[in-house]
Amino acid sequence: MGIKLSDIFLKAGLIIAVTISVILSFLIWTNNARYERNPDTKVSTAQEQSKTDKELADVYLPTRILQKNQQQQYMVYNRRDSPIMAFQKRFKTWQLTGSITAKNYNNGDYLNQINAPEQVQLTYPGVITWRLFKQMYKLTEKKATADFSFNRIILKNNDNKTVYLTNDNNQVVHKVPVANNRGKQLRALLKNADMRLPVEERVMNNKLTLYYTKPVKITPYSYLISRENINTYISTLLADKGDSSIEARESGSVTTYYRGIFKKLSADSSNDQIQYEDYTDTVTVSSTTQLLRNSFSRLVNVGNSLANVRYFSSVPKTQVVTYLNYVEGFPIYQQSDFGAASIQLTPSGQVLRFSSRTLQVPVPAENQDNTLPATQDVLNQLAANNVDLATIKDIQLGYHWTQSSANQQVIDLKPTYYVFINNTWKDYRDLLAQ
């Protein structure tokens, strides 16, 4: 039977209709993807920025809480739940209500402010800046205040409308008016503290120093550690998609990897210390805020875990920022010659020094607390051992990082005093042994 002309038109029409449907579906699908891609990208970028801001705030975090009643001041901590981490989220709730004012104090009056009764302090080991603090916690001012540095946040028990930001270096106190400083919530958190060590702020060699006024009991710890393979750092820091030529040279325990003449990475197998130099990455740092923020971005680029890493100090003159690991509110020394990491940024390039050893999880250790002398007793012992106390710039409680003799993947953290002398942090027991 012959094919009818109407059947041919019908089939042709169906084919055309299906084709048009497919084309329209494709156009709709691709247009949706096109229109949706931009919002998704914005969301992804916002999420990444939020993650970076959180990491920034976790690294540039106060490391110590001091609480004083009418008479006695204490260094306060809760090993079950860090009150600093718990209170950190309250910073974001501060609503700035007026102009910030500043006042400069002389030595005695500033010390009186720091040792005043009925207040709580959150302290940083080094100065941070108001601009960085505002960025981290999304605080807004009606009229921006000129940037300034501080290392203490003080909340007075009888004043919930003011935050006091003080700087030990220049003895300037900034009064920040807020709707509610959340001091009541912080004091409530501190009621659960399981560590209260009597302390007093004193001036030692022109520097405000925290003295522990009685013998202190501190818990020792052991941690499982990981050692990152050097190839990871070569891939992260040294490798270039357009240039895979890397030259390696050995000298004793140190292997140095070069990419051209402007980038090199040195690894010391005897102590797991890494030094990366990049003289193509130049930056002009014109403020402490820039120094702290740019140093943090380089720290992130290394790729090590930042879970226990905290900002420790900065030296604007040499543009060096140092970070240490902290456990239960105390810094860990001897992890390397420079702590967890040291970042130097200069107009000629950057130098990153860091350890390939990172803390993982605590493992069972001796349960008995170690007892250490009061700070003044330690200084008396050093003086009796012919150490010139005038050369001591600082003294702090911390942990001594030592390799476990039983397991190469475990390190022991022993409580001790560390003394900053001759531009180096030293265990006071080593000074006594000299």
Protein backbone atom coordinates (compact mmCIF):
# COMPACT_ATOMS: atom_id res chain seq x y z
CA MET A 1 0.00 0.00 0.00
CA GLY A 2 1.46 3.47 -0.80
CA ILE A 3 2.21 5.94 1.87
CA LYS A 4 -0.31 8.72 2.17
CA LEU A 5 0.91 12.29 1.88
CA SER A 6 -0.86 13.12 5.16
CA ASP A 7 1.18 10.45 6.99
CA ILE A 8 4.39 11.98 5.67
CA PHE A 9 3.37 15.44 6.90
CA LEU A 10 2.35 13.98 10.28
CA LYS A 11 5.68 12.24 10.81
CA ALA A 12 7.58 15.29 9.65
CA GLY A 13 5.60 17.45 12.05
CA LEU A 14 6.33 15.10 14.95
CA ILE A 15 10.04 15.11 14.17
CA ILE A 16 10.08 18.90 13.97
CA ALA A 17 8.11 19.20 17.24
CA VAL A 18 10.44 16.82 19.07
CA THR A 19 13.48 18.64 17.69
CA ILE A 20 12.10 22.01 18.77
CA SER A 21 11.28 20.58 22.21
CA VAL A 22 14.81 19.27 22.63
CA ILE A 23 16.30 22.58 21.52
CA LEU A 24 14.04 24.57 23.85
CA SER A 25 14.82 22.23 26.76
CA PHE A 26 18.53 22.64 26.09
CA LEU A 27 18.22 26.42 25.94
CA ILE A 28 16.19 26.52 29.14
CA TRP A 29 18.65 24.22 30.91
CA THR A 30 21.71 26.18 29.80
CA ASN A 31 20.06 29.53 30.58
CA ASN A 32 19.15 28.32 34.08
CA ALA A 33 22.69 27.16 34.57
CA ARG A 34 23.98 30.49 33.30
CA TYR A 35 21.69 32.54 35.50
CA GLU A 36 22.22 30.31 38.54
CA ARG A 37 25.98 30.10 38.24
CA ASN A 38 26.56 33.65 39.39
CA PRO A 39 24.56 33.36 42.63
CA ASP A 40 26.20 30.02 43.38
CA THR A 41 29.60 31.55 42.83
CA LYS A 42 28.71 34.44 45.12
CA VAL A 43 27.45 32.05 47.79
CA SER A 44 30.57 29.92 47.47
CA THR A 45 32.79 33.00 47.70
CA ALA A 46 30.86 34.25 50.73
CA GLN A 47 31.15 30.83 52.39
CA GLU A 48 34.89 30.72 51.75
CA GLN A 49 35.28 34.25 53.14
CA SER A 50 33.24 33.31 56.21
CA LYS A 51 35.43 30.23 56.74
CA THR A 52 38.58 32.33 56.39
CA ASP A 53 37.27 34.93 58.85
CA LYS A 54 36.49 32.18 61.38
CA GLU A 55 39.98 30.69 61.04
CA LEU A 56 41.43 34.19 61.39
CA ALA A 57 39.44 34.82 64.57
CA ASP A 58 40.40 31.41 65.99
CA VAL A 59 44.12 32.07 65.46
CA TYR A 60 43.99 35.72 66.64
CA LEU A 61 42.22 34.73 69.83
CA PRO A 62 42.82 35.83 73.43
CA THR A 63 44.79 33.10 75.19
CA ARG A 64 44.25 33.96 78.84
CA ILE A 65 41.44 35.07 81.17
CA LEU A 66 42.16 37.00 84.36
CA GLN A 67 39.40 37.52 86.92
CA LYS A 68 39.64 39.68 90.01
CA ASN A 69 37.25 40.03 92.91
CA GLN A 70 37.74 42.67 95.59
CA GLN A 71 41.14 41.38 96.67
CA GLN A 72 42.55 38.47 94.67
CA GLN A 73 43.18 38.06 90.96
CA TYR A 74 43.16 34.63 89.29
CA MET A 75 44.17 33.14 85.98
CA VAL A 76 41.02 31.18 85.15
CA TYR A 77 40.48 28.25 82.80
CA ASN A 78 38.11 25.36 82.25
CA ARG A 79 39.76 22.27 80.78
CA ARG A 80 36.40 20.69 79.95
CA ASP A 81 35.15 23.61 77.87
CA SER A 82 37.33 26.59 76.96
CA PRO A 83 35.59 29.75 78.22
CA ILE A 84 37.51 31.83 75.66
CA MET A 85 36.17 29.80 72.75
CA ALA A 86 32.70 29.86 74.30
CA PHE A 87 32.72 33.63 74.80
CA GLN A 88 34.28 34.42 71.42
CA LYS A 89 30.90 34.34 69.66
CA ARG A 90 29.71 37.14 71.99
CA PHE A 91 32.12 39.58 70.35
CA LYS A 92 29.89 39.57 67.28
CA THR A 93 26.93 40.76 69.36
CA TRP A 94 28.64 43.96 70.49
CA GLN A 95 26.72 46.95 69.14
CA LEU A 96 28.90 50.04 69.10
CA THR A 97 26.86 52.98 70.35
CA GLY A 98 29.16 55.99 70.37
CA SER A 99 32.60 57.45 69.81
CA ILE A 100 35.67 55.68 71.13
CA THR A 101 37.82 57.74 73.48
CA ALA A 102 41.46 57.22 74.46
CA LYS A 103 43.47 58.11 77.54
CA ASN A 104 47.17 57.72 78.21
CA TYR A 105 48.26 56.69 81.73
CA ASN A 106 51.56 56.88 83.55
CA ASN A 107 53.17 53.71 84.88
CA GLY A 108 51.49 53.63 88.29
CA ASP A 109 48.03 54.64 87.11
CA TYR A 110 48.08 52.14 84.25
CA LEU A 111 49.07 49.34 86.63
CA ASN A 112 46.18 50.36 88.89
CA GLN A 113 43.81 50.07 85.93
CA ILE A 114 45.07 46.57 85.14
CA ASN A 115 44.94 45.41 88.76
CA ALA A 116 41.59 47.08 89.54
CA PRO A 117 39.05 44.94 91.45
CA GLU A 118 35.79 43.51 90.11
CA GLN A 119 36.75 42.98 86.49
CA VAL A 120 37.54 40.28 83.94
CA GLN A 121 40.31 40.52 81.35
CA LEU A 122 40.85 38.59 78.15
CA THR A 123 44.48 39.00 77.15
CA TYR A 124 46.51 38.45 74.00
CA PRO A 125 50.21 37.49 74.13
CA GLY A 126 50.91 40.17 71.50
CA VAL A 127 49.09 43.26 70.28
CA ILE A 128 46.29 43.08 67.74
CA THR A 129 44.51 45.99 66.09
CA TRP A 130 41.06 47.49 66.32
CA ARG A 131 40.61 47.33 62.55
CA LEU A 132 41.42 43.62 62.48
CA PHE A 133 39.13 42.98 65.46
CA LYS A 134 36.25 44.77 63.71
CA GLN A 135 36.82 42.76 60.53
CA MET A 136 36.88 39.43 62.37
CA TYR A 137 33.66 40.06 64.30
CA LYS A 138 31.77 42.19 61.74
CA LEU A 139 31.55 45.23 64.03
CA THR A 140 30.50 48.56 62.53
CA GLU A 141 31.07 52.14 63.67
CA LYS A 142 29.00 55.13 62.64
CA LYS A 143 32.26 57.04 62.31
CA ALA A 144 35.41 55.00 61.91
CA THR A 145 38.04 55.42 64.62
CA ALA A 146 41.69 55.71 63.61
CA ASP A 147 43.28 52.29 63.96
CA PHE A 148 45.00 51.45 67.25
CA SER A 149 46.63 48.44 68.92
CA PHE A 150 45.71 46.66 72.14
CA ASN A 151 46.45 43.43 73.97
CA ARG A 152 43.78 43.39 76.70
CA ILE A 153 40.00 43.40 76.68
CA ILE A 154 38.63 44.47 80.08
CA LEU A 155 35.01 44.07 81.19
CA LYS A 156 34.14 45.69 84.51
CA ASN A 157 31.52 43.99 86.69
CA ASN A 158 29.63 47.22 87.35
CA ASP A 159 29.69 48.57 83.77
CA ASN A 160 28.08 46.53 81.00
CA LYS A 161 27.99 49.49 78.59
CA THR A 162 31.75 49.78 78.04
CA VAL A 163 34.58 47.65 76.70
CA TYR A 164 38.08 48.76 77.71
CA LEU A 165 40.87 47.96 75.23
CA THR A 166 44.32 48.53 76.71
CA ASN A 167 47.86 48.44 75.39
CA ASP A 168 50.70 47.53 77.76
CA ASN A 169 53.32 48.96 75.39
CA ASN A 170 52.10 52.56 75.31
CA GLN A 171 49.76 52.42 78.36
CA VAL A 172 46.80 53.76 76.41
CA VAL A 173 43.25 52.74 77.35
CA HIS A 174 40.48 53.00 74.74
CA LYS A 175 36.88 53.14 76.01
CA VAL A 176 34.45 51.55 73.56
CA PRO A 177 30.74 52.29 74.23
CA VAL A 178 28.50 49.28 73.53
CA ALA A 179 24.86 48.40 74.11
CA ASN A 180 25.87 45.37 76.18
CA ASN A 181 29.38 43.97 76.62
CA ARG A 182 28.06 40.51 77.65
CA GLY A 183 30.29 40.52 80.72
CA LYS A 184 27.55 38.82 82.74
CA GLN A 185 27.61 35.84 80.36
CA LEU A 186 31.40 35.61 80.63
CA ARG A 187 31.29 35.62 84.43
CA ALA A 188 28.66 32.86 84.27
CA LEU A 189 31.00 30.77 82.10
CA LEU A 190 33.82 31.24 84.60
CA LYS A 191 31.77 29.75 87.43
CA ASN A 192 32.46 26.35 85.86
CA ALA A 193 36.23 26.86 85.76
CA ASP A 194 38.30 23.96 87.07
CA MET A 195 41.55 25.96 87.25
CA ARG A 196 42.03 29.11 89.34
CA LEU A 197 45.63 30.13 89.82
CA PRO A 198 46.39 33.18 92.05
CA VAL A 199 48.25 35.81 90.02
CA GLU A 200 49.34 39.42 90.15
CA GLU A 201 50.50 41.84 87.45
CA ARG A 202 53.88 43.38 88.23
CA VAL A 203 56.42 45.45 86.32
CA MET A 204 59.63 43.56 85.58
CA ASN A 205 62.35 45.38 83.65
CA ASN A 206 59.84 47.93 82.32
CA LYS A 207 57.42 45.25 81.15
CA LEU A 208 54.11 44.26 82.70
CA THR A 209 54.48 40.61 83.67
CA LEU A 210 52.05 38.07 85.12
CA TYR A 211 53.38 36.57 88.37
CA TYR A 212 51.93 33.36 89.78
CA THR A 213 51.97 34.15 93.48
CA LYS A 214 51.75 30.57 94.78
CA PRO A 215 53.06 27.18 93.61
CA VAL A 216 50.99 26.02 90.65
CA LYS A 217 49.77 22.57 89.64
CA ILE A 218 49.62 21.97 85.89
CA THR A 219 48.59 18.81 84.06
CA PRO A 220 51.16 17.20 81.72
CA TYR A 221 49.94 15.86 78.37
CA SER A 222 51.02 13.55 75.60
CA TYR A 223 49.92 14.02 71.99
CA LEU A 224 49.93 11.92 68.88
CA ILE A 225 51.61 13.94 66.14
CA SER A 226 51.81 13.72 62.37
CA ARG A 227 54.78 14.56 60.18
CA GLU A 228 53.79 15.96 56.82
CA ASN A 229 55.71 14.60 53.84
CA ILE A 230 58.04 17.14 52.25
CA ASN A 231 56.44 16.46 48.86
CA THR A 232 53.25 18.05 50.16
CA TYR A 233 55.02 21.35 50.82
CA ILE A 234 56.87 21.15 47.50
CA SER A 235 53.53 20.73 45.74
CA THR A 236 51.80 23.43 47.79
CA LEU A 237 54.49 26.10 47.93
CA LEU A 238 57.15 25.42 45.33
CA ALA A 239 55.53 23.72 42.36
CA ASP A 240 54.30 25.75 39.40
CA LYS A 241 51.88 24.47 36.76
CA GLY A 242 53.89 26.20 34.06
CA ASP A 243 57.29 25.08 35.33
CA SER A 244 57.89 21.67 36.89
CA SER A 245 61.69 21.94 37.00
CA ILE A 246 62.82 21.65 40.62
CA GLU A 247 66.43 21.08 41.63
CA ALA A 248 67.41 19.42 44.92
CA ARG A 249 70.70 19.73 46.82
CA GLU A 250 71.73 18.00 50.05
CA SER A 251 74.00 19.25 52.81
CA GLY A 252 74.08 17.06 55.90
CA SER A 253 70.55 16.72 57.28
CA VAL A 254 69.25 19.62 55.17
CA THR A 255 67.82 19.17 51.68
CA THR A 256 67.11 22.34 49.72
CA TYR A 257 64.75 22.41 46.76
CA TYR A 258 65.04 25.21 44.21
CA ARG A 259 62.71 26.48 41.52
CA GLY A 260 64.69 29.05 39.65
CA ILE A 261 66.69 31.57 41.63
CA PHE A 262 63.83 33.24 43.47
CA LYS A 263 62.13 30.33 45.28
CA LYS A 264 63.56 27.68 47.55
CA LEU A 265 62.41 25.30 50.27
CA SER A 266 64.80 23.81 52.84
CA ALA A 267 63.91 20.78 54.97
CA ASP A 268 65.94 19.63 57.97
CA SER A 269 65.29 15.93 58.61
CA SER A 270 66.92 16.09 62.06
CA ASN A 271 64.23 18.34 63.54
CA ASP A 272 61.44 18.48 60.90
CA GLN A 273 61.90 22.22 60.43
CA ILE A 274 61.04 23.80 57.08
CA GLN A 275 62.05 27.16 55.65
CA TYR A 276 60.42 28.51 52.50
CA GLU A 277 61.69 31.63 50.74
CA ASP A 278 59.87 33.34 47.89
CA TYR A 279 61.36 36.53 46.49
CA THR A 280 58.67 36.89 43.84
CA ASP A 281 55.98 37.45 46.49
CA THR A 282 56.76 40.97 47.62
CA VAL A 283 54.48 43.01 49.83
CA THR A 284 54.70 46.48 51.30
CA VAL A 285 53.30 46.40 54.82
CA SER A 286 52.26 49.83 56.00
CA SER A 287 50.33 48.91 59.17
CA THR A 288 50.15 46.30 61.91
CA THR A 289 46.73 45.26 60.59
CA GLN A 290 48.23 44.49 57.18
CA LEU A 291 51.11 42.62 58.79
CA LEU A 292 48.82 40.41 60.87
CA ARG A 293 46.35 39.71 58.07
CA ASN A 294 48.94 39.07 55.35
CA SER A 295 50.95 36.83 57.68
CA PHE A 296 47.84 34.79 58.37
CA SER A 297 47.18 34.27 54.65
CA ARG A 298 50.73 32.88 54.25
CA LEU A 299 50.20 30.68 57.31
CA VAL A 300 47.08 29.22 55.68
CA ASN A 301 49.00 28.59 52.45
CA VAL A 302 51.36 26.23 54.29
CA GLY A 303 48.44 23.84 54.73
CA ASN A 304 49.15 22.65 58.29
CA SER A 305 46.31 22.21 60.76
CA LEU A 306 45.55 25.40 62.69
CA ALA A 307 43.37 23.75 65.34
CA ASN A 308 45.72 24.53 68.25
CA VAL A 309 47.68 27.38 66.66
CA ARG A 310 47.43 30.86 68.19
CA TYR A 311 49.02 34.19 67.45
CA PHE A 312 51.91 34.81 69.85
CA SER A 313 53.81 37.95 68.86
CA SER A 314 54.58 40.46 66.13
CA VAL A 315 57.54 42.73 65.50
CA PRO A 316 56.57 45.47 63.01
CA LYS A 317 60.18 46.66 62.73
CA THR A 318 61.31 43.34 61.22
CA GLN A 319 57.80 42.44 59.97
CA VAL A 320 57.87 39.06 61.71
CA VAL A 321 54.78 37.36 63.15
CA THR A 322 55.14 34.26 65.35
CA TYR A 323 52.52 31.60 66.07
CA LEU A 324 52.62 28.89 68.76
CA ASN A 325 50.53 25.86 69.54
CA TYR A 326 48.50 26.17 72.74
CA VAL A 327 47.16 23.45 75.01
CA GLU A 328 44.69 24.26 77.80
CA GLY A 329 45.52 27.95 77.61
CA PHE A 330 49.32 27.57 77.81
CA PRO A 331 51.86 27.97 74.97
CA ILE A 332 54.05 25.11 73.76
CA TYR A 333 57.75 25.86 73.38
CA GLN A 334 60.57 23.83 71.85
CA GLN A 335 58.38 22.54 69.01
CA SER A 336 61.01 24.17 66.81
CA ASP A 337 63.41 27.10 66.91
CA PHE A 338 60.50 29.41 66.09
CA GLY A 339 57.35 27.79 67.47
CA ALA A 340 54.61 26.47 65.21
CA ALA A 341 55.41 29.05 62.52
CA SER A 342 57.20 32.32 61.92
CA ILE A 343 56.25 34.53 58.98
CA GLN A 344 58.39 37.41 57.72
CA LEU A 345 57.06 39.74 55.03
CA THR A 346 59.31 42.34 53.42
CA PRO A 347 59.33 44.41 50.23
CA SER A 348 61.97 41.99 48.88
CA GLY A 349 60.00 38.80 49.55
CA GLN A 350 58.65 36.42 52.18
CA VAL A 351 60.30 33.89 54.49
CA LEU A 352 58.15 31.20 56.11
CA ARG A 353 59.57 29.03 58.88
CA PHE A 354 57.39 26.24 60.19
CA SER A 355 57.41 22.73 61.60
CA SER A 356 56.15 19.72 59.67
CA ARG A 357 55.06 18.24 63.02
CA THR A 358 51.45 18.97 63.93
CA LEU A 359 49.43 17.98 66.99
CA GLN A 360 46.70 15.43 66.34
CA VAL A 361 44.95 13.99 69.40
CA PRO A 362 45.88 13.67 73.08
CA VAL A 363 46.86 10.21 74.28
CA PRO A 364 46.86 8.83 77.84
CA ALA A 365 49.65 10.33 79.93
CA GLU A 366 50.59 10.44 83.59
CA ASN A 367 47.59 11.63 85.57
CA GLN A 368 49.43 13.39 88.37
CA ASP A 369 49.73 17.17 88.06
CA ASN A 370 53.20 18.68 88.09
CA THR A 371 53.87 21.33 90.76
CA LEU A 372 55.91 24.38 89.81
CA PRO A 373 57.22 27.14 92.11
CA ALA A 374 55.70 30.60 92.32
CA THR A 375 57.15 33.02 89.75
CA GLN A 376 59.14 35.03 92.32
CA ASP A 377 60.67 31.80 93.66
CA VAL A 378 61.81 30.89 90.14
CA LEU A 379 63.43 34.32 89.73
CA ASN A 380 65.11 33.94 93.13
CA GLN A 381 66.53 30.57 92.05
CA LEU A 382 67.85 32.08 88.83
CA ALA A 383 69.46 34.99 90.70
CA ALA A 384 71.09 32.54 93.12
CA ASN A 385 72.51 30.74 90.06
CA ASN A 386 74.14 33.98 88.84
CA VAL A 387 71.58 34.74 86.15
CA ASP A 388 71.37 38.51 85.70
CA LEU A 389 67.66 39.25 86.23
CA ALA A 390 68.07 42.58 84.43
CA THR A 391 68.54 40.64 81.18
CA ILE A 392 65.22 38.81 81.53
CA LYS A 393 62.53 40.38 79.35
CA ASP A 394 59.66 38.03 80.17
CA ILE A 395 58.73 34.84 82.03
CA GLN A 396 55.74 32.63 81.29
CA LEU A 397 54.23 29.31 82.20
CA GLY A 398 54.13 26.92 79.27
CA TYR A 399 54.78 23.43 78.00
CA HIS A 400 58.10 21.91 77.00
CA TRP A 401 57.76 19.80 73.84
CA THR A 402 59.85 16.62 74.05
CA GLN A 403 59.93 13.51 71.89
CA SER A 404 58.56 10.43 73.64
CA SER A 405 61.25 7.79 74.10
CA ALA A 406 58.66 5.04 73.72
CA ASN A 407 56.99 6.13 70.47
CA GLN A 408 58.24 8.38 67.65
CA GLN A 409 54.67 9.37 66.84
CA VAL A 410 54.05 10.71 70.36
CA ILE A 411 55.37 13.84 72.06
CA ASP A 412 55.25 14.68 75.75
CA LEU A 413 54.25 18.12 77.01
CA LYS A 414 55.80 18.92 80.38
CA PRO A 415 54.78 22.06 82.33
CA THR A 416 57.59 24.49 83.09
CA TYR A 417 58.52 28.17 83.17
CA TYR A 418 60.02 29.74 80.08
CA VAL A 419 62.27 32.77 80.34
CA PHE A 420 62.89 35.22 77.50
CA ILE A 421 66.57 36.07 77.76
CA ASN A 422 69.06 37.13 75.08
CA ASN A 423 66.22 37.16 72.54
CA THR A 424 65.49 33.47 73.12
CA TRP A 425 62.88 31.56 75.11
CA LYS A 426 64.64 29.12 77.46
CA ASP A 427 63.40 26.58 79.97
CA TYR A 428 64.33 27.95 83.39
CA ARG A 429 65.68 24.52 84.36
CA ASP A 430 68.26 24.77 81.57
CA LEU A 431 69.39 28.12 82.97
CA LEU A 432 69.70 26.60 86.43
CA ALA A 433 71.76 23.74 84.99
CA GLN A 434 74.35 26.08 83.47
